[in-house]
N, C-alpha and C. Protein backbone atom coordinates (compact mmCIF):
# COMPACT_ATOMS: atom_id res chain seq x y z
N MET A 1 114.76 231.94 275.66
CA MET A 1 113.56 232.76 276.04
C MET A 1 112.60 231.71 277.03
N PHE A 2 112.55 230.41 276.61
CA PHE A 2 111.69 229.58 277.39
C PHE A 2 112.33 229.30 278.82
N ASP A 3 113.60 229.23 278.87
CA ASP A 3 114.31 229.08 280.15
C ASP A 3 114.06 230.33 281.10
N GLU A 4 114.09 231.49 280.41
CA GLU A 4 113.93 232.77 281.11
C GLU A 4 112.56 232.75 281.68
N LEU A 5 111.53 232.40 280.86
CA LEU A 5 110.25 232.43 281.35
C LEU A 5 109.96 231.53 282.45
N ALA A 6 110.62 230.38 282.46
CA ALA A 6 110.44 229.26 283.49
C ALA A 6 111.14 229.86 284.82
N MET A 7 112.35 230.51 284.69
CA MET A 7 113.03 231.11 285.76
C MET A 7 112.08 232.32 286.49
N LEU A 8 111.23 232.92 285.62
CA LEU A 8 110.48 233.96 286.17
C LEU A 8 109.19 233.35 286.81
N GLY A 9 108.96 232.01 286.63
CA GLY A 9 107.85 231.33 287.32
C GLY A 9 106.67 230.82 286.36
N ALA A 10 106.99 230.90 284.91
CA ALA A 10 105.89 230.28 284.14
C ALA A 10 105.62 228.80 284.43
N ARG A 11 104.48 228.48 284.52
CA ARG A 11 104.05 227.14 284.68
C ARG A 11 103.47 226.59 283.36
N LEU A 12 103.02 227.54 282.51
CA LEU A 12 102.47 227.06 281.24
C LEU A 12 102.92 227.94 280.14
N ILE A 13 103.60 227.37 278.95
CA ILE A 13 103.81 228.17 277.85
C ILE A 13 103.27 227.52 276.71
N ILE A 14 102.35 228.25 275.97
CA ILE A 14 101.82 227.61 274.72
C ILE A 14 102.42 228.71 273.59
N ARG A 15 103.06 227.95 272.66
CA ARG A 15 103.48 228.70 271.47
C ARG A 15 102.29 228.90 270.53
N MET A 16 102.15 230.11 270.18
CA MET A 16 101.10 230.47 269.07
C MET A 16 102.00 231.09 268.11
N GLY A 17 102.11 230.53 266.84
CA GLY A 17 102.95 231.12 265.81
C GLY A 17 102.42 230.74 264.47
N THR A 18 103.33 230.55 263.54
CA THR A 18 103.03 230.23 262.26
C THR A 18 103.83 228.94 261.84
N CYS A 19 103.48 228.32 260.81
CA CYS A 19 104.06 227.18 260.13
C CYS A 19 103.80 227.12 258.75
N GLY A 20 104.67 226.13 258.13
CA GLY A 20 104.56 225.88 256.77
C GLY A 20 103.85 224.45 256.55
N ALA A 21 102.69 224.38 255.85
CA ALA A 21 102.02 223.15 255.57
C ALA A 21 102.91 222.32 254.68
N MET A 22 102.89 221.09 254.98
CA MET A 22 103.63 220.04 254.23
C MET A 22 102.79 218.90 253.66
N VAL A 23 101.49 218.85 253.92
CA VAL A 23 100.63 217.76 253.56
C VAL A 23 99.29 218.37 252.90
N PRO A 24 98.80 217.58 251.95
CA PRO A 24 97.53 218.14 251.36
C PRO A 24 96.38 218.30 252.41
N GLY A 25 95.57 219.12 252.22
CA GLY A 25 94.42 219.42 253.24
C GLY A 25 94.75 220.52 254.12
N LEU A 26 96.02 221.01 254.30
CA LEU A 26 96.22 222.15 255.14
C LEU A 26 96.32 223.39 254.21
N ASN A 27 95.62 224.45 254.55
CA ASN A 27 95.66 225.55 253.62
C ASN A 27 96.03 226.79 254.39
N VAL A 28 96.58 227.88 253.91
CA VAL A 28 96.92 229.07 254.51
C VAL A 28 95.82 229.52 255.30
N GLY A 29 95.93 229.82 256.66
CA GLY A 29 94.82 230.21 257.59
C GLY A 29 94.34 229.02 258.41
N ASP A 30 94.67 227.75 257.93
CA ASP A 30 94.33 226.65 258.88
C ASP A 30 95.22 226.58 259.99
N VAL A 31 94.87 225.68 261.03
CA VAL A 31 95.66 225.54 262.16
C VAL A 31 96.33 224.11 262.27
N VAL A 32 97.44 224.11 262.84
CA VAL A 32 98.20 222.86 263.11
C VAL A 32 98.39 222.83 264.64
N ILE A 33 97.92 221.70 265.40
CA ILE A 33 98.20 221.49 266.71
C ILE A 33 99.20 220.35 266.87
N PRO A 34 100.47 220.58 267.06
CA PRO A 34 101.45 219.51 267.11
C PRO A 34 101.21 218.45 268.27
N THR A 35 101.47 217.18 267.88
CA THR A 35 101.49 216.15 268.87
C THR A 35 102.99 215.90 269.22
N GLY A 36 103.88 216.47 268.65
CA GLY A 36 105.33 216.26 268.86
C GLY A 36 106.10 217.06 267.85
N ALA A 37 107.36 217.18 268.02
CA ALA A 37 108.23 217.97 267.18
C ALA A 37 109.60 217.14 266.93
N SER A 38 109.84 216.84 265.83
CA SER A 38 111.20 216.32 265.31
C SER A 38 112.08 217.49 265.25
N TYR A 39 113.43 217.15 265.29
CA TYR A 39 114.49 218.05 265.17
C TYR A 39 115.70 217.45 264.71
N LYS A 40 116.68 218.29 264.12
CA LYS A 40 117.91 217.66 263.68
C LYS A 40 118.97 217.96 264.82
N GLU A 41 119.94 217.10 264.77
CA GLU A 41 120.92 217.23 265.90
C GLU A 41 121.65 218.52 265.95
N GLY A 42 121.94 219.00 267.13
CA GLY A 42 122.59 220.43 267.17
C GLY A 42 121.45 221.34 267.77
N GLY A 43 121.64 222.59 267.38
CA GLY A 43 120.66 223.58 267.67
C GLY A 43 120.62 223.77 269.25
N THR A 44 119.57 224.44 269.66
CA THR A 44 119.41 224.69 271.16
C THR A 44 119.44 223.44 271.86
N ILE A 45 118.63 222.43 271.50
CA ILE A 45 118.47 221.21 272.23
C ILE A 45 119.96 220.44 272.43
N GLY A 46 120.72 220.65 271.35
CA GLY A 46 122.14 220.05 271.38
C GLY A 46 122.90 220.65 272.58
N TRP A 47 122.74 221.92 272.92
CA TRP A 47 123.40 222.54 273.95
C TRP A 47 123.03 222.00 275.34
N TYR A 48 121.80 221.56 275.52
CA TYR A 48 121.25 221.00 276.67
C TYR A 48 121.63 219.56 276.84
N PHE A 49 121.44 218.85 275.79
CA PHE A 49 121.60 217.42 275.71
C PHE A 49 122.50 216.87 274.65
N PRO A 50 123.70 217.24 274.59
CA PRO A 50 124.61 216.94 273.48
C PRO A 50 124.60 215.43 273.23
N GLY A 51 124.45 215.05 271.91
CA GLY A 51 124.64 213.71 271.46
C GLY A 51 123.24 212.80 271.88
N ASP A 52 122.34 213.42 272.62
CA ASP A 52 121.15 212.65 272.96
C ASP A 52 119.98 213.02 272.11
N CYS A 53 118.95 212.25 272.02
CA CYS A 53 117.71 212.46 271.34
C CYS A 53 116.45 212.49 272.47
N THR A 54 115.78 213.42 272.44
CA THR A 54 114.81 213.49 273.59
C THR A 54 113.46 213.42 272.88
N ALA A 55 112.47 213.09 273.62
CA ALA A 55 111.05 213.05 273.22
C ALA A 55 110.49 214.43 273.22
N ALA A 56 110.41 215.23 272.16
CA ALA A 56 109.93 216.57 272.11
C ALA A 56 108.40 216.46 271.87
N VAL A 57 107.57 216.44 273.09
CA VAL A 57 106.15 216.25 272.95
C VAL A 57 105.49 217.30 274.01
N PRO A 58 104.36 217.75 273.52
CA PRO A 58 103.64 218.68 274.48
C PRO A 58 103.04 218.01 275.67
N GLU A 59 102.77 218.64 276.74
CA GLU A 59 102.01 217.99 277.76
C GLU A 59 100.58 217.52 277.21
N TYR A 60 100.09 216.45 277.61
CA TYR A 60 98.93 215.97 277.00
C TYR A 60 97.72 216.69 277.42
N GLU A 61 97.59 217.14 278.69
CA GLU A 61 96.39 217.97 278.98
C GLU A 61 96.35 219.39 278.28
N VAL A 62 97.50 219.84 277.97
CA VAL A 62 97.63 221.10 277.14
C VAL A 62 97.13 220.82 275.69
N LEU A 63 97.60 219.86 275.17
CA LEU A 63 97.35 219.32 273.76
C LEU A 63 95.79 219.20 273.72
N ASN A 64 95.21 218.39 274.60
CA ASN A 64 93.83 218.06 274.54
C ASN A 64 93.02 219.43 274.87
N ALA A 65 93.48 220.37 275.66
CA ALA A 65 92.85 221.62 275.77
C ALA A 65 92.74 222.41 274.52
N LEU A 66 93.91 222.43 273.84
CA LEU A 66 94.01 223.13 272.47
C LEU A 66 93.14 222.58 271.40
N ILE A 67 93.19 221.17 271.35
CA ILE A 67 92.12 220.54 270.44
C ILE A 67 90.64 221.00 270.78
N GLU A 68 90.27 220.95 271.98
CA GLU A 68 88.91 221.26 272.40
C GLU A 68 88.63 222.73 272.09
N ALA A 69 89.64 223.61 272.42
CA ALA A 69 89.36 224.86 272.09
C ALA A 69 89.22 225.18 270.60
N ALA A 70 89.98 224.63 269.77
CA ALA A 70 90.04 224.72 268.27
C ALA A 70 88.52 224.34 267.86
N GLN A 71 88.03 223.19 268.47
CA GLN A 71 86.66 222.73 268.10
C GLN A 71 85.62 223.80 268.53
N ARG A 72 85.76 224.27 269.71
CA ARG A 72 84.72 225.33 270.24
C ARG A 72 84.71 226.54 269.45
N HIS A 73 85.93 226.95 268.83
CA HIS A 73 86.04 228.23 268.09
C HIS A 73 85.97 227.83 266.60
N SER A 74 85.55 226.56 266.23
CA SER A 74 85.31 226.28 264.84
C SER A 74 86.46 226.55 263.98
N LEU A 75 87.65 226.23 264.41
CA LEU A 75 88.90 226.41 263.67
C LEU A 75 88.96 225.21 262.72
N ARG A 76 89.45 225.42 261.58
CA ARG A 76 89.81 224.25 260.69
C ARG A 76 91.23 223.90 261.08
N TYR A 77 91.52 222.69 261.70
CA TYR A 77 92.82 222.32 262.27
C TYR A 77 93.07 220.78 261.81
N MET A 78 94.38 220.51 261.89
CA MET A 78 94.89 219.16 261.81
C MET A 78 95.93 218.93 262.89
N VAL A 79 95.82 217.82 263.54
CA VAL A 79 96.70 217.38 264.58
C VAL A 79 97.79 216.33 264.11
N GLY A 80 98.98 216.62 264.53
CA GLY A 80 100.01 215.74 264.08
C GLY A 80 101.38 216.20 264.30
N PRO A 81 102.42 215.43 264.02
CA PRO A 81 103.80 215.81 264.25
C PRO A 81 104.29 216.97 263.46
N VAL A 82 105.19 217.67 263.84
CA VAL A 82 105.93 218.79 263.08
C VAL A 82 107.44 218.65 263.16
N ILE A 83 108.02 219.31 262.19
CA ILE A 83 109.58 219.31 262.28
C ILE A 83 109.83 220.72 262.64
N SER A 84 110.70 220.75 263.59
CA SER A 84 111.29 222.21 264.11
C SER A 84 112.55 222.40 263.30
N SER A 85 112.80 223.33 262.53
CA SER A 85 113.92 223.53 261.86
C SER A 85 114.17 225.13 261.48
N ASP A 86 115.52 225.26 261.39
CA ASP A 86 115.75 226.74 260.64
C ASP A 86 116.23 226.59 259.40
N TYR A 87 116.04 225.35 258.74
CA TYR A 87 116.74 225.04 257.54
C TYR A 87 115.84 225.03 256.32
N PHE A 88 114.37 225.25 256.74
CA PHE A 88 113.37 224.87 255.67
C PHE A 88 113.33 225.93 254.47
N TYR A 89 114.13 226.85 254.38
CA TYR A 89 114.22 227.68 253.08
C TYR A 89 115.10 227.24 252.14
N VAL A 90 116.02 226.28 252.44
CA VAL A 90 116.98 225.78 251.59
C VAL A 90 116.65 224.39 251.00
N ASP A 91 116.77 224.22 249.62
CA ASP A 91 116.25 222.91 248.96
C ASP A 91 115.06 222.40 249.55
N ILE A 92 113.94 223.25 249.42
CA ILE A 92 112.72 222.94 250.06
C ILE A 92 112.16 221.60 249.55
N GLU A 93 112.23 221.38 248.27
CA GLU A 93 111.57 220.17 247.84
C GLU A 93 112.25 219.00 248.44
N GLU A 94 113.49 218.78 248.62
CA GLU A 94 114.18 217.51 249.34
C GLU A 94 113.68 217.50 250.75
N PHE A 95 113.76 218.77 251.29
CA PHE A 95 113.46 218.78 252.76
C PHE A 95 112.02 218.26 253.05
N VAL A 96 111.05 218.75 252.24
CA VAL A 96 109.69 218.46 252.50
C VAL A 96 109.44 216.79 252.10
N ARG A 97 110.10 216.48 251.03
CA ARG A 97 109.99 214.99 250.70
C ARG A 97 110.49 214.18 251.86
N THR A 98 111.64 214.50 252.54
CA THR A 98 112.18 213.66 253.54
C THR A 98 111.27 213.73 254.73
N TRP A 99 110.80 214.94 255.18
CA TRP A 99 110.14 215.04 256.49
C TRP A 99 108.61 214.59 256.33
N ARG A 100 108.08 214.59 255.15
CA ARG A 100 106.75 214.02 254.93
C ARG A 100 106.84 212.60 255.07
N LYS A 101 107.88 211.90 254.43
CA LYS A 101 108.11 210.44 254.68
C LYS A 101 108.24 210.05 256.02
N ARG A 102 108.62 211.03 256.97
CA ARG A 102 108.76 210.69 258.36
C ARG A 102 107.53 211.07 259.20
N GLY A 103 106.47 211.62 258.59
CA GLY A 103 105.24 211.80 259.16
C GLY A 103 104.93 213.28 259.45
N ALA A 104 105.91 214.23 259.30
CA ALA A 104 105.72 215.58 259.58
C ALA A 104 104.58 216.21 258.70
N ILE A 105 103.62 216.96 259.33
CA ILE A 105 102.69 217.67 258.66
C ILE A 105 102.87 219.11 258.33
N ALA A 106 103.81 219.63 259.09
CA ALA A 106 104.15 220.99 258.98
C ALA A 106 105.64 221.26 259.45
N VAL A 107 106.11 222.42 259.09
CA VAL A 107 107.45 222.84 259.59
C VAL A 107 107.35 224.19 260.23
N GLU A 108 108.11 224.33 261.41
CA GLU A 108 108.10 225.51 261.99
C GLU A 108 109.62 225.62 262.82
N MET A 109 109.86 226.46 263.73
CA MET A 109 110.98 226.62 264.27
C MET A 109 111.16 226.46 265.76
N GLU A 110 110.24 226.34 266.55
CA GLU A 110 110.43 226.50 268.02
C GLU A 110 109.95 225.31 268.82
N CYS A 111 108.97 224.47 268.43
CA CYS A 111 108.21 223.57 269.17
C CYS A 111 109.12 222.59 269.85
N ALA A 112 110.18 222.00 269.12
CA ALA A 112 110.94 220.88 269.74
C ALA A 112 111.67 221.51 271.00
N THR A 113 112.16 222.71 270.86
CA THR A 113 113.05 223.33 271.97
C THR A 113 111.90 223.50 273.17
N LEU A 114 110.75 224.20 272.78
CA LEU A 114 109.81 224.46 273.82
C LEU A 114 109.36 223.05 274.53
N PHE A 115 108.98 222.00 273.84
CA PHE A 115 108.51 220.85 274.40
C PHE A 115 109.65 220.23 275.25
N THR A 116 110.80 220.19 274.78
CA THR A 116 111.96 219.48 275.44
C THR A 116 112.27 220.30 276.88
N LEU A 117 112.32 221.55 276.56
CA LEU A 117 112.67 222.34 277.92
C LEU A 117 111.60 222.37 278.81
N ALA A 118 110.27 222.29 278.51
CA ALA A 118 109.21 222.04 279.35
C ALA A 118 109.30 220.77 280.22
N LYS A 119 109.76 219.76 279.70
CA LYS A 119 109.86 218.48 280.39
C LYS A 119 111.08 218.71 281.33
N TYR A 120 112.10 219.29 280.76
CA TYR A 120 113.37 219.51 281.60
C TYR A 120 113.30 220.45 282.88
N ARG A 121 112.43 221.51 282.42
CA ARG A 121 112.37 222.51 283.49
C ARG A 121 111.04 222.45 284.31
N GLY A 122 110.16 221.61 283.95
CA GLY A 122 108.99 221.34 284.71
C GLY A 122 107.78 222.16 284.49
N PHE A 123 107.67 222.79 283.47
CA PHE A 123 106.58 223.47 283.11
C PHE A 123 105.68 222.75 281.98
N LYS A 124 104.41 223.22 281.82
CA LYS A 124 103.72 222.60 280.87
C LYS A 124 103.68 223.36 279.55
N SER A 125 103.60 222.63 278.37
CA SER A 125 103.66 223.33 277.10
C SER A 125 102.80 222.75 276.09
N GLY A 126 102.64 223.39 275.04
CA GLY A 126 101.73 223.07 273.96
C GLY A 126 101.96 224.13 272.77
N ALA A 127 101.32 223.94 271.65
CA ALA A 127 101.42 224.84 270.53
C ALA A 127 100.18 224.75 269.62
N LEU A 128 99.85 225.88 269.06
CA LEU A 128 98.85 225.89 268.05
C LEU A 128 99.49 226.94 267.10
N LEU A 129 99.48 226.40 265.87
CA LEU A 129 100.29 227.22 264.73
C LEU A 129 99.20 227.44 263.67
N VAL A 130 99.30 228.64 263.09
CA VAL A 130 98.57 229.10 261.95
C VAL A 130 99.38 228.83 260.70
N VAL A 131 98.83 228.18 259.63
CA VAL A 131 99.46 227.89 258.40
C VAL A 131 99.68 229.25 257.72
N SER A 132 100.88 229.72 257.54
CA SER A 132 101.23 230.86 256.77
C SER A 132 101.69 230.70 255.31
N ASP A 133 101.98 229.42 254.98
CA ASP A 133 102.38 229.12 253.50
C ASP A 133 102.24 227.59 253.47
N THR A 134 102.31 227.02 252.12
CA THR A 134 102.22 225.69 252.05
C THR A 134 103.32 225.45 251.11
N THR A 135 104.11 224.26 251.29
CA THR A 135 105.18 223.86 250.70
C THR A 135 104.86 222.97 249.36
N LEU A 136 103.50 222.76 249.17
CA LEU A 136 103.08 221.91 248.13
C LEU A 136 102.73 222.62 246.83
N VAL A 137 102.55 223.84 246.93
CA VAL A 137 102.28 224.73 245.78
C VAL A 137 103.38 225.73 245.63
N LYS A 138 104.17 225.65 244.66
CA LYS A 138 105.42 226.62 244.50
C LYS A 138 105.04 228.07 244.61
N LYS A 139 103.89 228.47 244.15
CA LYS A 139 103.59 229.92 244.24
C LYS A 139 103.20 230.21 245.68
N GLU A 140 102.87 229.45 246.48
CA GLU A 140 102.43 229.69 247.95
C GLU A 140 103.62 229.48 248.89
N TRP A 141 104.82 229.29 248.46
CA TRP A 141 106.07 229.15 249.34
C TRP A 141 106.11 230.49 249.96
N GLU A 142 105.70 231.59 249.29
CA GLU A 142 105.87 232.83 249.86
C GLU A 142 104.85 232.97 251.06
N LEU A 143 105.46 233.65 252.17
CA LEU A 143 104.49 233.84 253.31
C LEU A 143 103.46 234.71 253.12
N ALA A 144 102.28 234.32 253.67
CA ALA A 144 101.03 235.11 253.64
C ALA A 144 101.34 236.56 254.41
N THR A 145 100.84 237.57 254.03
CA THR A 145 100.97 238.89 254.67
C THR A 145 100.13 238.81 256.08
N ALA A 146 100.59 239.76 256.90
CA ALA A 146 99.93 239.92 258.18
C ALA A 146 98.43 240.33 257.92
N GLU A 147 98.22 241.09 256.96
CA GLU A 147 96.70 241.31 256.62
C GLU A 147 95.99 240.13 256.24
N GLU A 148 96.65 239.27 255.45
CA GLU A 148 96.00 238.05 254.96
C GLU A 148 95.79 237.02 256.01
N LEU A 149 96.53 237.06 257.10
CA LEU A 149 96.47 236.19 258.15
C LEU A 149 95.60 236.85 259.49
N ARG A 150 95.20 237.96 259.39
CA ARG A 150 94.70 238.73 260.50
C ARG A 150 93.64 237.99 261.11
N ASP A 151 92.71 237.58 260.36
CA ASP A 151 91.35 236.82 260.93
C ASP A 151 91.67 235.47 261.40
N ALA A 152 92.60 234.68 260.68
CA ALA A 152 92.90 233.46 261.26
C ALA A 152 93.73 233.66 262.54
N VAL A 153 94.65 234.65 262.77
CA VAL A 153 95.47 234.64 263.80
C VAL A 153 94.46 235.22 265.00
N ASP A 154 93.49 236.05 264.75
CA ASP A 154 92.67 236.59 265.73
C ASP A 154 91.84 235.39 266.39
N ARG A 155 91.37 234.52 265.44
CA ARG A 155 90.51 233.29 265.84
C ARG A 155 91.37 232.36 266.56
N ALA A 156 92.49 232.08 266.15
CA ALA A 156 93.42 231.19 266.82
C ALA A 156 93.97 231.75 268.15
N SER A 157 94.28 232.87 268.19
CA SER A 157 94.66 233.58 269.59
C SER A 157 93.59 233.45 270.67
N ARG A 158 92.35 233.60 270.22
CA ARG A 158 91.23 233.48 271.08
C ARG A 158 91.17 231.98 271.62
N ALA A 159 91.24 231.06 270.67
CA ALA A 159 91.27 229.60 271.13
C ALA A 159 92.43 229.25 272.01
N VAL A 160 93.65 229.75 271.81
CA VAL A 160 94.80 229.52 272.58
C VAL A 160 94.57 230.14 274.08
N PHE A 161 93.92 231.42 274.17
CA PHE A 161 93.68 231.89 275.47
C PHE A 161 92.66 231.13 276.00
N ASP A 162 91.54 230.74 275.48
CA ASP A 162 90.53 229.72 276.03
C ASP A 162 91.21 228.39 276.54
N ALA A 163 92.06 227.85 275.76
CA ALA A 163 92.75 226.69 276.26
C ALA A 163 93.64 226.90 277.32
N ALA A 164 94.38 228.01 277.38
CA ALA A 164 95.28 228.29 278.55
C ALA A 164 94.66 228.36 279.96
N ILE A 165 93.52 229.19 279.83
CA ILE A 165 92.72 229.24 281.09
C ILE A 165 91.91 228.01 281.64
N SER A 166 91.92 226.85 280.65
CA SER A 166 91.23 225.71 281.13
C SER A 166 92.27 224.65 281.60
N VAL A 167 93.53 224.88 281.56
CA VAL A 167 94.56 223.93 281.96
C VAL A 167 94.79 224.21 283.44
N PRO A 168 94.63 223.16 284.24
CA PRO A 168 94.91 223.38 285.63
C PRO A 168 96.46 223.40 285.91
N LEU A 169 96.80 224.39 286.69
CA LEU A 169 98.23 224.55 287.00
C LEU A 169 98.49 224.05 288.45
C-alpha cells in the first residue's frame, strides 16, 4: 500500500492507527508517537532488503510536528520506540518481556514498513497511534471497542491532520 501511494505521488504518509501498550503509564485512549520501529527478520521489509537491517525511523520534522500537534490538542501521549509485529497475540507474556527489555513502549503492525519504505522511496513519514489495549493487565488484552475509542480517535485524527498540514513538502 505504501509503495502504491508513493507511485501515485504521495510525499507524506502519516500512519494513524492503534497499538497495544507495553509500559506502565500508557492507558487505553492514550497516544503513542513512535521515534522508530523495531521488526523481526522477514516480512515485507525482508522482501525489499533480504538479510539486511534498516533504520526504521520517521522523518524528524514529521515526528516533531506530531508531538507539537499532540500538545496543542492536549492529548495524553508518550514518545518512544515501538515494535512492528504480526506476532503479538501468541505467547504475549514472553513477547512483551522481550521487547520491553529492548526499549519498546508499544506494539503495532505497520510502522517499520512505513518508515523504511519512506526512506527508500523518498517520501516523508510519521505515525501517531491510539492505545487500544494494554499488555500489562490481562483483562485489558482484549481490544477496546470502536465506541470506547471514538473520542480518542477523533481527537487524535484532528492532531494528525494539524501536523500533516504543518509539514513542508
